[in-house]
Amino acid sequence: MSSRALAKPSKRIATLVKMMESLPETLQDRVVEHLREYLEDLRDEEQWNVSFQNTEQSLIVAAKRAKQEILEGKAQPLDIDIGLKIPTLADYPSRREFMQLPLEERRSILAKQAEAMLQHYREDREWQELKAGDLIDC
């Protein structure tokens, strides 16, 4: 058994347990379900933050290159004709609002975006001509 399993619960956890015990069982079930969803959202948000931190520098370099290509008149609008409207983060006032959508809805949106990008990259092979140094030399 891990030492964590044997550890005494914190005062906050003990307080939460006492509060839960004071509720009727049906309400306890509802609170537990809400807590599960909330904890899953927190884990998702933390995973998002870690993922963003791991790719932030690459995204900055890519954005600088895109700005330069726009200034040079080399950039072309991304044309993804998939016949349906896919929401993006830009459709929400804040990332927090997007993160408050139900998990399955967020996953669905992200899956549709990934499919659209996959279709784009399969049809437009220009990106394969890029060399790794092209993004870094901006």
C-alpha atoms as a PDB file:
ATOM      1  CA  MET A   1       0.000   0.000   0.000  1.00  0.00           C
ATOM      2  CA  SER A   2       1.342   3.460  -0.834  1.00  0.00           C
ATOM      3  CA  SER A   3       2.149   5.969   1.883  1.00  0.00           C
ATOM      4  CA  ARG A   4      -0.367   8.318   0.271  1.00  0.00           C
ATOM      5  CA  ALA A   5      -3.199   5.826   0.886  1.00  0.00           C
ATOM      6  CA  LEU A   6      -2.266   5.697   4.576  1.00  0.00           C
ATOM      7  CA  ALA A   7      -1.976   9.474   4.976  1.00  0.00           C
ATOM      8  CA  LYS A   8      -4.471  11.292   7.157  1.00  0.00           C
ATOM      9  CA  PRO A   9      -6.877  13.410   5.079  1.00  0.00           C
ATOM     10  CA  SER A  10      -6.253  17.150   5.169  1.00  0.00           C
ATOM     11  CA  LYS A  11      -8.539  19.423   7.172  1.00  0.00           C
ATOM     12  CA  ARG A  12     -10.125  20.602   3.933  1.00  0.00           C
ATOM     13  CA  ILE A  13     -10.953  17.049   2.883  1.00  0.00           C
ATOM     14  CA  ALA A  14     -12.262  16.216   6.350  1.00  0.00           C
ATOM     15  CA  THR A  15     -14.470  19.321   6.255  1.00  0.00           C
ATOM     16  CA  LEU A  16     -15.768  18.359   2.822  1.00  0.00           C
ATOM     17  CA  VAL A  17     -16.555  14.830   4.029  1.00  0.00           C
ATOM     18  CA  LYS A  18     -18.478  16.216   7.025  1.00  0.00           C
ATOM     19  CA  MET A  19     -20.443  18.522   4.758  1.00  0.00           C
ATOM     20  CA  MET A  20     -21.229  15.640   2.417  1.00  0.00           C
ATOM     21  CA  GLU A  21     -22.293  13.379   5.278  1.00  0.00           C
ATOM     22  CA  SER A  22     -24.822  15.991   6.390  1.00  0.00           C
ATOM     23  CA  LEU A  23     -26.633  15.731   3.033  1.00  0.00           C
ATOM     24  CA  PRO A  24     -29.270  13.176   2.099  1.00  0.00           C
ATOM     25  CA  GLU A  25     -27.826  10.304   0.052  1.00  0.00           C
ATOM     26  CA  THR A  26     -29.489  11.450  -3.176  1.00  0.00           C
ATOM     27  CA  LEU A  27     -27.825  14.847  -2.859  1.00  0.00           C
ATOM     28  CA  GLN A  28     -24.523  13.171  -1.993  1.00  0.00           C
ATOM     29  CA  ASP A  29     -24.728  11.278  -5.275  1.00  0.00           C
ATOM     30  CA  ARG A  30     -25.356  14.509  -7.194  1.00  0.00           C
ATOM     31  CA  VAL A  31     -22.463  16.285  -5.479  1.00  0.00           C
ATOM     32  CA  VAL A  32     -20.123  13.365  -6.167  1.00  0.00           C
ATOM     33  CA  GLU A  33     -21.080  13.421  -9.849  1.00  0.00           C
ATOM     34  CA  HIS A  34     -20.491  17.178 -10.053  1.00  0.00           C
ATOM     35  CA  LEU A  35     -17.135  16.759  -8.318  1.00  0.00           C
ATOM     36  CA  ARG A  36     -16.137  14.016 -10.766  1.00  0.00           C
ATOM     37  CA  GLU A  37     -16.957  16.255 -13.728  1.00  0.00           C
ATOM     38  CA  TYR A  38     -15.192  19.224 -12.141  1.00  0.00           C
ATOM     39  CA  LEU A  39     -12.060  17.192 -11.390  1.00  0.00           C
ATOM     40  CA  GLU A  40     -12.043  15.816 -14.928  1.00  0.00           C
ATOM     41  CA  ASP A  41     -12.291  19.373 -16.273  1.00  0.00           C
ATOM     42  CA  LEU A  42      -9.416  20.457 -14.014  1.00  0.00           C
ATOM     43  CA  ARG A  43      -7.286  17.566 -15.277  1.00  0.00           C
ATOM     44  CA  ASP A  44      -8.149  18.455 -18.873  1.00  0.00           C
ATOM     45  CA  GLU A  45      -7.248  22.090 -18.295  1.00  0.00           C
ATOM     46  CA  GLU A  46      -3.935  21.111 -16.678  1.00  0.00           C
ATOM     47  CA  GLN A  47      -3.203  18.799 -19.608  1.00  0.00           C
ATOM     48  CA  TRP A  48      -4.021  21.679 -21.988  1.00  0.00           C
ATOM     49  CA  ASN A  49      -1.661  23.994 -20.092  1.00  0.00           C
ATOM     50  CA  VAL A  50       1.185  21.467 -20.114  1.00  0.00           C
ATOM     51  CA  SER A  51       0.660  20.789 -23.807  1.00  0.00           C
ATOM     52  CA  PHE A  52       0.639  24.511 -24.563  1.00  0.00           C
ATOM     53  CA  GLN A  53       3.801  25.090 -22.527  1.00  0.00           C
ATOM     54  CA  ASN A  54       5.536  22.284 -24.429  1.00  0.00           C
ATOM     55  CA  THR A  55       4.663  23.807 -27.813  1.00  0.00           C
ATOM     56  CA  GLU A  56       4.531  27.516 -27.002  1.00  0.00           C
ATOM     57  CA  GLN A  57       7.943  28.375 -28.469  1.00  0.00           C
ATOM     58  CA  SER A  58       7.205  26.501 -31.712  1.00  0.00           C
ATOM     59  CA  LEU A  59       3.888  28.316 -32.004  1.00  0.00           C
ATOM     60  CA  ILE A  60       5.584  31.688 -31.501  1.00  0.00           C
ATOM     61  CA  VAL A  61       8.138  30.909 -34.215  1.00  0.00           C
ATOM     62  CA  ALA A  62       5.393  29.709 -36.583  1.00  0.00           C
ATOM     63  CA  ALA A  63       3.347  32.861 -35.899  1.00  0.00           C
ATOM     64  CA  LYS A  64       6.357  35.073 -36.654  1.00  0.00           C
ATOM     65  CA  ARG A  65       6.895  33.237 -39.914  1.00  0.00           C
ATOM     66  CA  ALA A  66       3.216  33.575 -40.832  1.00  0.00           C
ATOM     67  CA  LYS A  67       3.344  37.333 -40.151  1.00  0.00           C
ATOM     68  CA  GLN A  68       6.428  37.629 -42.340  1.00  0.00           C
ATOM     69  CA  GLU A  69       4.775  35.683 -45.157  1.00  0.00           C
ATOM     70  CA  ILE A  70       1.715  37.939 -44.917  1.00  0.00           C
ATOM     71  CA  LEU A  71       3.937  41.019 -45.152  1.00  0.00           C
ATOM     72  CA  GLU A  72       5.715  39.537 -48.191  1.00  0.00           C
ATOM     73  CA  GLY A  73       2.423  38.632 -49.870  1.00  0.00           C
ATOM     74  CA  LYS A  74       3.292  34.920 -49.798  1.00  0.00           C
ATOM     75  CA  ALA A  75       0.503  33.820 -47.479  1.00  0.00           C
ATOM     76  CA  GLN A  76      -2.764  32.458 -48.815  1.00  0.00           C
ATOM     77  CA  PRO A  77      -5.968  31.988 -46.868  1.00  0.00           C
ATOM     78  CA  LEU A  78      -6.483  28.494 -45.527  1.00  0.00           C
ATOM     79  CA  ASP A  79      -9.336  27.039 -47.562  1.00  0.00           C
ATOM     80  CA  ILE A  80     -10.989  24.183 -45.757  1.00  0.00           C
ATOM     81  CA  ASP A  81     -14.271  23.372 -47.479  1.00  0.00           C
ATOM     82  CA  ILE A  82     -15.780  20.645 -45.352  1.00  0.00           C
ATOM     83  CA  GLY A  83     -19.397  21.689 -45.645  1.00  0.00           C
ATOM     84  CA  LEU A  84     -20.078  22.320 -41.972  1.00  0.00           C
ATOM     85  CA  LYS A  85     -19.291  24.985 -39.436  1.00  0.00           C
ATOM     86  CA  ILE A  86     -16.671  23.883 -36.944  1.00  0.00           C
ATOM     87  CA  PRO A  87     -16.467  26.037 -33.822  1.00  0.00           C
ATOM     88  CA  THR A  88     -13.021  27.267 -32.837  1.00  0.00           C
ATOM     89  CA  LEU A  89     -11.699  28.991 -29.730  1.00  0.00           C
ATOM     90  CA  ALA A  90     -12.347  32.265 -31.569  1.00  0.00           C
ATOM     91  CA  ASP A  91     -16.083  31.512 -31.304  1.00  0.00           C
ATOM     92  CA  TYR A  92     -15.886  31.832 -27.518  1.00  0.00           C
ATOM     93  CA  PRO A  93     -15.134  35.036 -25.576  1.00  0.00           C
ATOM     94  CA  SER A  94     -12.492  33.189 -23.561  1.00  0.00           C
ATOM     95  CA  ARG A  95     -10.733  29.846 -23.320  1.00  0.00           C
ATOM     96  CA  ARG A  96     -12.393  29.465 -19.925  1.00  0.00           C
ATOM     97  CA  GLU A  97     -15.828  29.570 -21.579  1.00  0.00           C
ATOM     98  CA  PHE A  98     -14.714  26.892 -24.048  1.00  0.00           C
ATOM     99  CA  MET A  99     -13.407  24.796 -21.152  1.00  0.00           C
ATOM    100  CA  GLN A 100     -16.812  25.058 -19.449  1.00  0.00           C
ATOM    101  CA  LEU A 101     -18.475  23.195 -22.304  1.00  0.00           C
ATOM    102  CA  PRO A 102     -19.236  19.571 -21.499  1.00  0.00           C
ATOM    103  CA  LEU A 103     -16.180  17.376 -22.029  1.00  0.00           C
ATOM    104  CA  GLU A 104     -17.776  15.354 -24.829  1.00  0.00           C
ATOM    105  CA  GLU A 105     -18.723  18.531 -26.715  1.00  0.00           C
ATOM    106  CA  ARG A 106     -15.146  19.855 -26.434  1.00  0.00           C
ATOM    107  CA  ARG A 107     -13.771  16.530 -27.627  1.00  0.00           C
ATOM    108  CA  SER A 108     -16.187  16.538 -30.553  1.00  0.00           C
ATOM    109  CA  ILE A 109     -15.169  20.066 -31.596  1.00  0.00           C
ATOM    110  CA  LEU A 110     -11.472  19.238 -31.346  1.00  0.00           C
ATOM    111  CA  ALA A 111     -11.949  15.992 -33.290  1.00  0.00           C
ATOM    112  CA  LYS A 112     -13.735  17.867 -36.100  1.00  0.00           C
ATOM    113  CA  GLN A 113     -10.954  20.464 -36.189  1.00  0.00           C
ATOM    114  CA  ALA A 114      -8.314  17.731 -36.328  1.00  0.00           C
ATOM    115  CA  GLU A 115     -10.156  15.984 -39.169  1.00  0.00           C
ATOM    116  CA  ALA A 116     -10.399  19.250 -41.110  1.00  0.00           C
ATOM    117  CA  MET A 117      -6.688  19.892 -40.686  1.00  0.00           C
ATOM    118  CA  LEU A 118      -5.846  16.320 -41.671  1.00  0.00           C
ATOM    119  CA  GLN A 119      -7.880  16.787 -44.855  1.00  0.00           C
ATOM    120  CA  HIS A 120      -6.065  20.071 -45.549  1.00  0.00           C
ATOM    121  CA  TYR A 121      -2.618  18.562 -45.045  1.00  0.00           C
ATOM    122  CA  ARG A 122      -3.448  15.582 -47.239  1.00  0.00           C
ATOM    123  CA  GLU A 123      -4.582  17.844 -50.085  1.00  0.00           C
ATOM    124  CA  ASP A 124      -1.969  20.615 -49.750  1.00  0.00           C
ATOM    125  CA  ARG A 125       1.531  19.117 -49.855  1.00  0.00           C
ATOM    126  CA  GLU A 126       3.379  22.453 -49.779  1.00  0.00           C
ATOM    127  CA  TRP A 127       3.957  22.058 -46.043  1.00  0.00           C
ATOM    128  CA  GLN A 128       6.134  18.997 -46.716  1.00  0.00           C
ATOM    129  CA  GLU A 129       8.633  21.182 -48.537  1.00  0.00           C
ATOM    130  CA  LEU A 130       9.399  23.079 -45.334  1.00  0.00           C
ATOM    131  CA  LYS A 131      12.678  22.267 -43.689  1.00  0.00           C
ATOM    132  CA  ALA A 132      13.018  22.296 -39.933  1.00  0.00           C
ATOM    133  CA  GLY A 133      15.415  25.218 -40.148  1.00  0.00           C
ATOM    134  CA  ASP A 134      12.858  27.321 -42.031  1.00  0.00           C
ATOM    135  CA  LEU A 135      10.813  27.855 -38.885  1.00  0.00           C
ATOM    136  CA  ILE A 136      13.779  28.575 -36.658  1.00  0.00           C
ATOM    137  CA  ASP A 137      15.553  31.026 -38.998  1.00  0.00           C
ATOM    138  CA  CYS A 138      12.735  33.615 -38.943  1.00  0.00           C
END
